[in-house]
Protein backbone atom coordinates (compact mmCIF):
# COMPACT_ATOMS: atom_id res chain seq x y z
CA UNK A 1 0.00 0.00 0.00
CA UNK A 2 1.25 3.47 -0.90
CA UNK A 3 1.32 6.11 1.77
CA UNK A 4 -0.05 9.38 0.38
CA UNK A 5 2.57 12.08 0.04
CA UNK A 6 0.05 14.87 -0.53
CA UNK A 7 -0.10 15.68 3.16
CA UNK A 8 3.70 15.72 3.27
CA UNK A 9 4.20 18.39 0.63
CA UNK A 10 6.11 20.57 0.33
CA UNK A 11 8.99 18.18 0.59
CA UNK A 12 10.45 20.14 3.49
CA UNK A 13 7.68 18.67 5.64
CA UNK A 14 9.36 15.27 5.50
CA UNK A 15 11.95 16.29 8.09
CA UNK A 16 14.56 13.62 7.40
CA UNK A 17 17.64 14.84 9.22
CA UNK A 18 20.89 15.45 7.42
CA UNK A 19 23.98 14.78 9.43
CA UNK A 20 27.71 15.35 9.34
CA UNK A 21 29.02 18.81 8.45
CA UNK A 22 28.57 21.87 10.61
CA UNK A 23 27.12 23.61 7.55
CA UNK A 24 24.12 21.32 7.75
CA UNK A 25 23.68 21.61 11.51
CA UNK A 26 20.01 22.06 12.30
CA UNK A 27 19.19 21.43 8.67
CA UNK A 28 16.84 18.74 7.44
CA UNK A 29 17.68 16.68 4.40
CA UNK A 30 14.78 17.89 2.32
CA UNK A 31 14.83 21.44 3.67
CA UNK A 32 18.36 21.69 2.28
CA UNK A 33 17.84 19.81 -0.94
CA UNK A 34 18.17 23.05 -2.87
CA UNK A 35 21.61 23.99 -1.53
CA UNK A 36 23.26 20.88 -0.05
CA UNK A 37 24.29 17.69 -1.82
CA UNK A 38 23.04 14.55 -0.05
CA UNK A 39 25.18 11.44 0.02
CA UNK A 40 24.27 7.78 -0.29
CA UNK A 41 25.56 7.36 3.28
CA UNK A 42 22.91 9.79 4.56
CA UNK A 43 20.20 7.80 2.80
CA UNK A 44 21.23 4.21 3.53
CA UNK A 45 18.83 3.75 6.46
CA UNK A 46 15.81 5.16 4.60
CA UNK A 47 13.14 2.79 3.37
CA UNK A 48 12.40 2.33 -0.32
CA UNK A 49 9.14 4.19 0.16
CA UNK A 50 10.85 7.12 1.90
CA UNK A 51 13.47 7.33 -0.85
CA UNK A 52 10.77 7.27 -3.52
CA UNK A 53 8.78 10.00 -1.76
CA UNK A 54 11.86 12.15 -1.25
CA UNK A 55 12.97 11.82 -4.88
CA UNK A 56 9.56 12.51 -6.29
CA UNK A 57 8.98 15.39 -3.88
CA UNK A 58 11.88 17.17 -5.57
CA UNK A 59 10.13 16.76 -8.92
CA UNK A 60 6.69 17.68 -7.52
CA UNK A 61 7.99 20.86 -5.89
CA UNK A 62 9.47 21.88 -9.25
CA UNK A 63 6.15 21.38 -11.06
CA UNK A 64 6.64 18.01 -12.75
CA UNK A 65 3.49 16.35 -14.09
CA UNK A 66 3.59 12.73 -12.99
CA UNK A 67 2.49 10.02 -15.39
CA UNK A 68 2.31 6.85 -13.31
CA UNK A 69 -0.80 5.99 -11.32
CA UNK A 70 1.32 5.52 -8.19
CA UNK A 71 2.85 9.01 -8.40
CA UNK A 72 -0.42 10.68 -9.36
CA UNK A 73 -2.14 8.99 -6.43
CA UNK A 74 0.63 10.04 -4.04
CA UNK A 75 1.28 13.58 -5.29
CA UNK A 76 -1.77 14.57 -7.31
CA UNK A 77 -1.74 16.90 -10.30
CA UNK A 78 -2.09 20.29 -8.60
CA UNK A 79 0.76 22.61 -9.58
CA UNK A 80 1.67 20.44 -12.55
CA UNK A 81 3.59 22.53 -15.10
CA UNK A 82 6.11 20.31 -16.93
CA UNK A 83 5.38 17.04 -18.73
CA UNK A 84 8.98 16.53 -19.88
CA UNK A 85 11.21 15.66 -16.93
CA UNK A 86 14.30 17.00 -18.71
CA UNK A 87 12.59 20.42 -18.97
CA UNK A 88 11.87 20.70 -15.23
CA UNK A 89 13.86 23.65 -13.85
CA UNK A 90 15.97 22.01 -11.15
CA UNK A 91 19.14 23.54 -9.84
CA UNK A 92 22.33 21.47 -9.66
CA UNK A 93 21.67 20.39 -6.06
CA UNK A 94 18.12 19.25 -6.76
CA UNK A 95 19.08 17.39 -9.92
CA UNK A 96 22.04 15.60 -8.32
CA UNK A 97 20.04 14.80 -5.19
CA UNK A 98 17.28 13.25 -7.29
CA UNK A 99 19.95 11.19 -9.07
CA UNK A 100 21.51 10.15 -5.76
CA UNK A 101 18.12 9.11 -4.38
CA UNK A 102 17.41 7.05 -7.49
CA UNK A 103 20.84 5.46 -7.26
CA UNK A 104 20.25 4.44 -3.64
CA UNK A 105 16.80 3.09 -4.56
CA UNK A 106 18.37 1.00 -7.31
CA UNK A 107 21.17 -0.21 -5.07
CA UNK A 108 18.61 -1.31 -2.45
CA UNK A 109 16.56 -3.10 -5.10
CA UNK A 110 13.54 -0.85 -4.65
């Protein structure tokens, strides 16, 4: 069963703590997704579902229009602006963090 992410948006509401550097002290993983690179080490204890929600929250917050029933059910279509994922205006941090999340999902066999 898929947990609905609609009540968790914006992504900053997920409150998954980032650790390590003093620069991220008091910062939450998703709160900082726009200006801090996350590492696979920071994500290794997250569940497949949490990783999926985090990754797709980045896309949702940037206005991506989801196509799969799972993502539409979880995130809805409100605020949908971009149907082509490559055209979604993500900054370097967001784009790399989405890639890192996907990589960890793949590594975990999600």
